[in-house]
Amino acid sequence: MPISHLGTAWAGVARDLELELRRLDPAATVAPRVDAEGLLRLAVTIAPEHRAPARAAIRRHEGRARAMCETCGGRLQTVQAGPVIQFLCVSCRPQS
C-alpha cells in the first residue's frame, strides 16, 4: 500500500518519517501495511547502522499519529471498529 492511501494527516506523518529516515540512509523506505487485526503498521527498511536513531524517529512520529485524526489531523476523539480500524475525530467520523 502506498503512503498516499493513508488518511491525509497520517500520510503526512509517514512522509515526514520517511524524509527523516532518508537523511540517515538515502535508501530507507517506509511502506504502510494493514495487519490481520486491521491496524496500520509501517514497514521500515533501513541500514543496520542506522537502526538506533531510526527507532527513536519512529517512536516520535508514532506519538504524533497516536493523538491525531488520521484524516484531518485534528484531536483524536474516537476509534471506529470495522473491517479496518479508523482513528477519527468527531468531525470526520461517519454519521450513522
N, C-alpha and C. Protein backbone atom coordinates (compact mmCIF):
# COMPACT_ATOMS: atom_id res chain seq x y z
N MET A 1 0.86 -1.17 0.00
CA MET A 1 0.00 0.00 0.00
C MET A 1 0.90 1.24 0.00
N PRO A 2 0.69 2.16 -0.91
CA PRO A 2 1.50 3.39 -0.92
C PRO A 2 1.04 4.35 0.20
N ILE A 3 1.93 5.22 0.60
CA ILE A 3 1.62 6.20 1.64
C ILE A 3 0.40 7.02 1.26
N SER A 4 0.21 7.27 -0.02
CA SER A 4 -0.91 8.11 -0.47
C SER A 4 -2.27 7.48 -0.15
N HIS A 5 -2.33 6.19 0.18
CA HIS A 5 -3.58 5.54 0.53
C HIS A 5 -3.98 5.75 1.98
N LEU A 6 -3.10 6.35 2.76
CA LEU A 6 -3.42 6.65 4.15
C LEU A 6 -4.31 7.88 4.21
N GLY A 7 -4.95 8.10 5.35
CA GLY A 7 -5.66 9.35 5.55
C GLY A 7 -4.68 10.50 5.39
N THR A 8 -5.16 11.64 5.00
CA THR A 8 -4.30 12.78 4.69
C THR A 8 -3.32 13.11 5.81
N ALA A 9 -3.80 13.16 7.04
CA ALA A 9 -2.94 13.54 8.17
C ALA A 9 -1.88 12.47 8.43
N TRP A 10 -2.29 11.21 8.45
CA TRP A 10 -1.33 10.15 8.70
C TRP A 10 -0.35 10.00 7.54
N ALA A 11 -0.76 10.29 6.32
CA ALA A 11 0.15 10.26 5.19
C ALA A 11 1.26 11.29 5.40
N GLY A 12 0.89 12.45 5.93
CA GLY A 12 1.89 13.48 6.23
C GLY A 12 2.90 13.00 7.27
N VAL A 13 2.43 12.32 8.30
CA VAL A 13 3.33 11.79 9.34
C VAL A 13 4.26 10.75 8.72
N ALA A 14 3.72 9.86 7.89
CA ALA A 14 4.55 8.82 7.26
C ALA A 14 5.58 9.44 6.32
N ARG A 15 5.18 10.47 5.58
CA ARG A 15 6.15 11.15 4.68
C ARG A 15 7.24 11.85 5.48
N ASP A 16 6.85 12.51 6.59
CA ASP A 16 7.84 13.16 7.45
C ASP A 16 8.83 12.13 8.00
N LEU A 17 8.31 10.99 8.43
CA LEU A 17 9.18 9.92 8.93
C LEU A 17 10.13 9.46 7.84
N GLU A 18 9.60 9.22 6.65
CA GLU A 18 10.45 8.75 5.56
C GLU A 18 11.55 9.76 5.23
N LEU A 19 11.20 11.05 5.22
CA LEU A 19 12.22 12.08 4.96
C LEU A 19 13.30 12.08 6.03
N GLU A 20 12.88 11.95 7.29
CA GLU A 20 13.86 11.92 8.38
C GLU A 20 14.77 10.69 8.26
N LEU A 21 14.18 9.54 7.96
CA LEU A 21 14.98 8.33 7.83
C LEU A 21 15.92 8.40 6.63
N ARG A 22 15.49 9.04 5.55
CA ARG A 22 16.35 9.16 4.37
C ARG A 22 17.52 10.11 4.59
N ARG A 23 17.41 10.99 5.60
CA ARG A 23 18.58 11.80 5.96
C ARG A 23 19.64 10.92 6.61
N LEU A 24 19.19 9.86 7.29
CA LEU A 24 20.13 8.90 7.88
C LEU A 24 20.68 7.94 6.82
N ASP A 25 19.77 7.46 5.96
CA ASP A 25 20.11 6.46 4.95
C ASP A 25 19.27 6.75 3.70
N PRO A 26 19.88 7.23 2.62
CA PRO A 26 19.12 7.59 1.42
C PRO A 26 18.30 6.44 0.84
N ALA A 27 18.62 5.20 1.18
CA ALA A 27 17.89 4.05 0.65
C ALA A 27 16.73 3.62 1.56
N ALA A 28 16.53 4.31 2.67
CA ALA A 28 15.47 3.94 3.62
C ALA A 28 14.09 4.02 2.95
N THR A 29 13.21 3.10 3.35
CA THR A 29 11.84 3.10 2.84
C THR A 29 10.85 2.95 3.98
N VAL A 30 9.65 3.49 3.76
CA VAL A 30 8.54 3.35 4.70
C VAL A 30 7.35 2.89 3.87
N ALA A 31 6.78 1.74 4.22
CA ALA A 31 5.65 1.19 3.48
C ALA A 31 4.52 0.83 4.43
N PRO A 32 3.37 1.48 4.31
CA PRO A 32 2.23 1.15 5.17
C PRO A 32 1.69 -0.25 4.88
N ARG A 33 1.27 -0.92 5.93
CA ARG A 33 0.62 -2.23 5.84
C ARG A 33 -0.52 -2.26 6.85
N VAL A 34 -1.58 -2.98 6.53
CA VAL A 34 -2.66 -3.21 7.48
C VAL A 34 -2.51 -4.64 7.96
N ASP A 35 -2.42 -4.82 9.29
CA ASP A 35 -2.22 -6.18 9.81
C ASP A 35 -3.55 -6.93 9.87
N ALA A 36 -3.49 -8.16 10.32
CA ALA A 36 -4.66 -9.04 10.35
C ALA A 36 -5.78 -8.50 11.25
N GLU A 37 -5.45 -7.65 12.20
CA GLU A 37 -6.45 -7.08 13.10
C GLU A 37 -6.94 -5.72 12.62
N GLY A 38 -6.51 -5.29 11.44
CA GLY A 38 -6.96 -4.03 10.88
C GLY A 38 -6.19 -2.82 11.34
N LEU A 39 -5.06 -3.04 11.99
CA LEU A 39 -4.25 -1.92 12.47
C LEU A 39 -3.17 -1.58 11.46
N LEU A 40 -2.91 -0.30 11.33
CA LEU A 40 -1.87 0.18 10.43
C LEU A 40 -0.51 -0.09 11.03
N ARG A 41 0.36 -0.61 10.23
CA ARG A 41 1.77 -0.81 10.59
C ARG A 41 2.60 -0.17 9.49
N LEU A 42 3.75 0.36 9.85
CA LEU A 42 4.67 0.89 8.85
C LEU A 42 5.87 -0.03 8.79
N ALA A 43 6.11 -0.61 7.64
CA ALA A 43 7.28 -1.45 7.44
C ALA A 43 8.43 -0.53 7.03
N VAL A 44 9.48 -0.52 7.84
CA VAL A 44 10.63 0.36 7.60
C VAL A 44 11.83 -0.49 7.22
N THR A 45 12.50 -0.06 6.17
CA THR A 45 13.75 -0.70 5.77
C THR A 45 14.84 0.35 5.87
N ILE A 46 15.89 0.03 6.63
CA ILE A 46 17.00 0.97 6.81
C ILE A 46 18.26 0.16 7.12
N ALA A 47 19.40 0.70 6.77
CA ALA A 47 20.67 0.01 7.01
C ALA A 47 20.86 -0.23 8.51
N PRO A 48 21.45 -1.38 8.87
CA PRO A 48 21.61 -1.75 10.29
C PRO A 48 22.30 -0.69 11.14
N GLU A 49 23.25 0.01 10.58
CA GLU A 49 23.98 1.01 11.38
C GLU A 49 23.13 2.23 11.74
N HIS A 50 21.96 2.36 11.14
CA HIS A 50 21.08 3.49 11.42
C HIS A 50 19.84 3.10 12.23
N ARG A 51 19.78 1.86 12.68
CA ARG A 51 18.55 1.38 13.35
C ARG A 51 18.27 2.08 14.67
N ALA A 52 19.27 2.37 15.48
CA ALA A 52 19.01 3.02 16.77
C ALA A 52 18.39 4.41 16.58
N PRO A 53 18.98 5.30 15.77
CA PRO A 53 18.33 6.60 15.57
C PRO A 53 17.00 6.46 14.83
N ALA A 54 16.87 5.45 13.98
CA ALA A 54 15.60 5.23 13.26
C ALA A 54 14.50 4.86 14.25
N ARG A 55 14.81 4.01 15.23
CA ARG A 55 13.80 3.64 16.24
C ARG A 55 13.31 4.88 16.99
N ALA A 56 14.22 5.76 17.35
CA ALA A 56 13.83 6.98 18.05
C ALA A 56 12.92 7.84 17.17
N ALA A 57 13.24 7.96 15.90
CA ALA A 57 12.41 8.74 14.97
C ALA A 57 11.04 8.10 14.81
N ILE A 58 11.00 6.78 14.70
CA ILE A 58 9.73 6.07 14.56
C ILE A 58 8.85 6.33 15.78
N ARG A 59 9.41 6.25 16.96
CA ARG A 59 8.63 6.47 18.20
C ARG A 59 8.08 7.91 18.25
N ARG A 60 8.87 8.89 17.83
CA ARG A 60 8.39 10.28 17.83
C ARG A 60 7.20 10.44 16.89
N HIS A 61 7.32 9.91 15.69
CA HIS A 61 6.25 10.04 14.70
C HIS A 61 5.03 9.20 15.10
N GLU A 62 5.27 8.07 15.73
CA GLU A 62 4.18 7.24 16.23
C GLU A 62 3.38 8.01 17.28
N GLY A 63 4.08 8.72 18.15
CA GLY A 63 3.41 9.54 19.16
C GLY A 63 2.54 10.62 18.54
N ARG A 64 3.02 11.24 17.48
CA ARG A 64 2.21 12.25 16.77
C ARG A 64 0.93 11.62 16.23
N ALA A 65 1.07 10.49 15.54
CA ALA A 65 -0.07 9.85 14.89
C ALA A 65 -1.07 9.31 15.91
N ARG A 66 -0.59 8.87 17.05
CA ARG A 66 -1.45 8.27 18.06
C ARG A 66 -2.49 9.26 18.60
N ALA A 67 -2.20 10.53 18.53
CA ALA A 67 -3.09 11.54 19.11
C ALA A 67 -3.91 12.31 18.08
N MET A 68 -3.82 11.92 16.80
CA MET A 68 -4.50 12.72 15.77
C MET A 68 -5.46 11.90 14.93
N CYS A 69 -6.46 12.59 14.43
CA CYS A 69 -7.39 12.01 13.46
C CYS A 69 -6.58 11.67 12.20
N GLU A 70 -6.76 10.46 11.69
CA GLU A 70 -5.99 10.05 10.52
C GLU A 70 -6.33 10.86 9.28
N THR A 71 -7.50 11.46 9.24
CA THR A 71 -7.94 12.20 8.07
C THR A 71 -7.54 13.66 8.11
N CYS A 72 -7.95 14.37 9.17
CA CYS A 72 -7.74 15.82 9.18
C CYS A 72 -6.59 16.27 10.08
N GLY A 73 -6.11 15.39 10.95
CA GLY A 73 -5.03 15.76 11.87
C GLY A 73 -5.54 16.39 13.15
N GLY A 74 -6.86 16.52 13.27
CA GLY A 74 -7.45 17.09 14.48
C GLY A 74 -7.31 16.15 15.67
N ARG A 75 -7.78 16.62 16.81
CA ARG A 75 -7.67 15.85 18.05
C ARG A 75 -8.49 14.56 17.94
N LEU A 76 -7.84 13.44 18.16
CA LEU A 76 -8.49 12.14 18.09
C LEU A 76 -9.53 12.03 19.20
N GLN A 77 -10.74 11.65 18.82
CA GLN A 77 -11.79 11.51 19.82
C GLN A 77 -12.50 10.17 19.76
N THR A 78 -12.30 9.39 18.71
CA THR A 78 -12.98 8.11 18.61
C THR A 78 -12.15 7.13 17.81
N VAL A 79 -12.35 5.88 18.08
CA VAL A 79 -11.75 4.82 17.30
C VAL A 79 -12.92 4.01 16.77
N GLN A 80 -13.01 3.89 15.47
CA GLN A 80 -14.13 3.18 14.86
C GLN A 80 -13.70 1.78 14.46
N ALA A 81 -14.38 0.78 14.98
CA ALA A 81 -14.07 -0.60 14.64
C ALA A 81 -14.88 -1.01 13.42
N GLY A 82 -14.34 -1.88 12.66
CA GLY A 82 -14.96 -2.40 11.45
C GLY A 82 -13.94 -3.31 10.82
N PRO A 83 -14.03 -3.56 9.53
CA PRO A 83 -13.01 -4.40 8.90
C PRO A 83 -11.62 -3.80 9.03
N VAL A 84 -11.55 -2.48 9.02
CA VAL A 84 -10.30 -1.76 9.27
C VAL A 84 -10.59 -0.74 10.35
N ILE A 85 -9.76 -0.70 11.36
CA ILE A 85 -9.97 0.25 12.45
C ILE A 85 -9.57 1.63 11.98
N GLN A 86 -10.43 2.62 12.26
CA GLN A 86 -10.15 4.00 11.88
C GLN A 86 -10.01 4.85 13.13
N PHE A 87 -9.09 5.79 13.09
CA PHE A 87 -8.85 6.72 14.18
C PHE A 87 -9.30 8.09 13.70
N LEU A 88 -10.47 8.52 14.16
CA LEU A 88 -11.10 9.71 13.63
C LEU A 88 -11.54 10.66 14.73
N CYS A 89 -11.65 11.94 14.36
CA CYS A 89 -12.23 12.93 15.26
C CYS A 89 -13.74 12.92 15.04
N VAL A 90 -14.45 13.65 15.87
CA VAL A 90 -15.90 13.71 15.76
C VAL A 90 -16.33 14.24 14.39
N SER A 91 -15.62 15.21 13.86
CA SER A 91 -15.99 15.80 12.56
C SER A 91 -15.83 14.83 11.40
N CYS A 92 -14.85 13.95 11.45
CA CYS A 92 -14.57 13.04 10.33
C CYS A 92 -15.26 11.69 10.49
N ARG A 93 -15.79 11.41 11.65
CA ARG A 93 -16.48 10.13 11.89
C ARG A 93 -17.76 10.07 11.06
N PRO A 94 -17.99 8.98 10.35
CA PRO A 94 -19.25 8.87 9.59
C PRO A 94 -20.45 8.92 10.54
N GLN A 95 -21.43 9.65 10.15
CA GLN A 95 -22.65 9.76 10.96
C GLN A 95 -23.56 8.58 10.66
N SER A 96 -24.10 7.96 11.70
CA SER A 96 -25.00 6.81 11.46
C SER A 96 -26.44 7.21 11.56
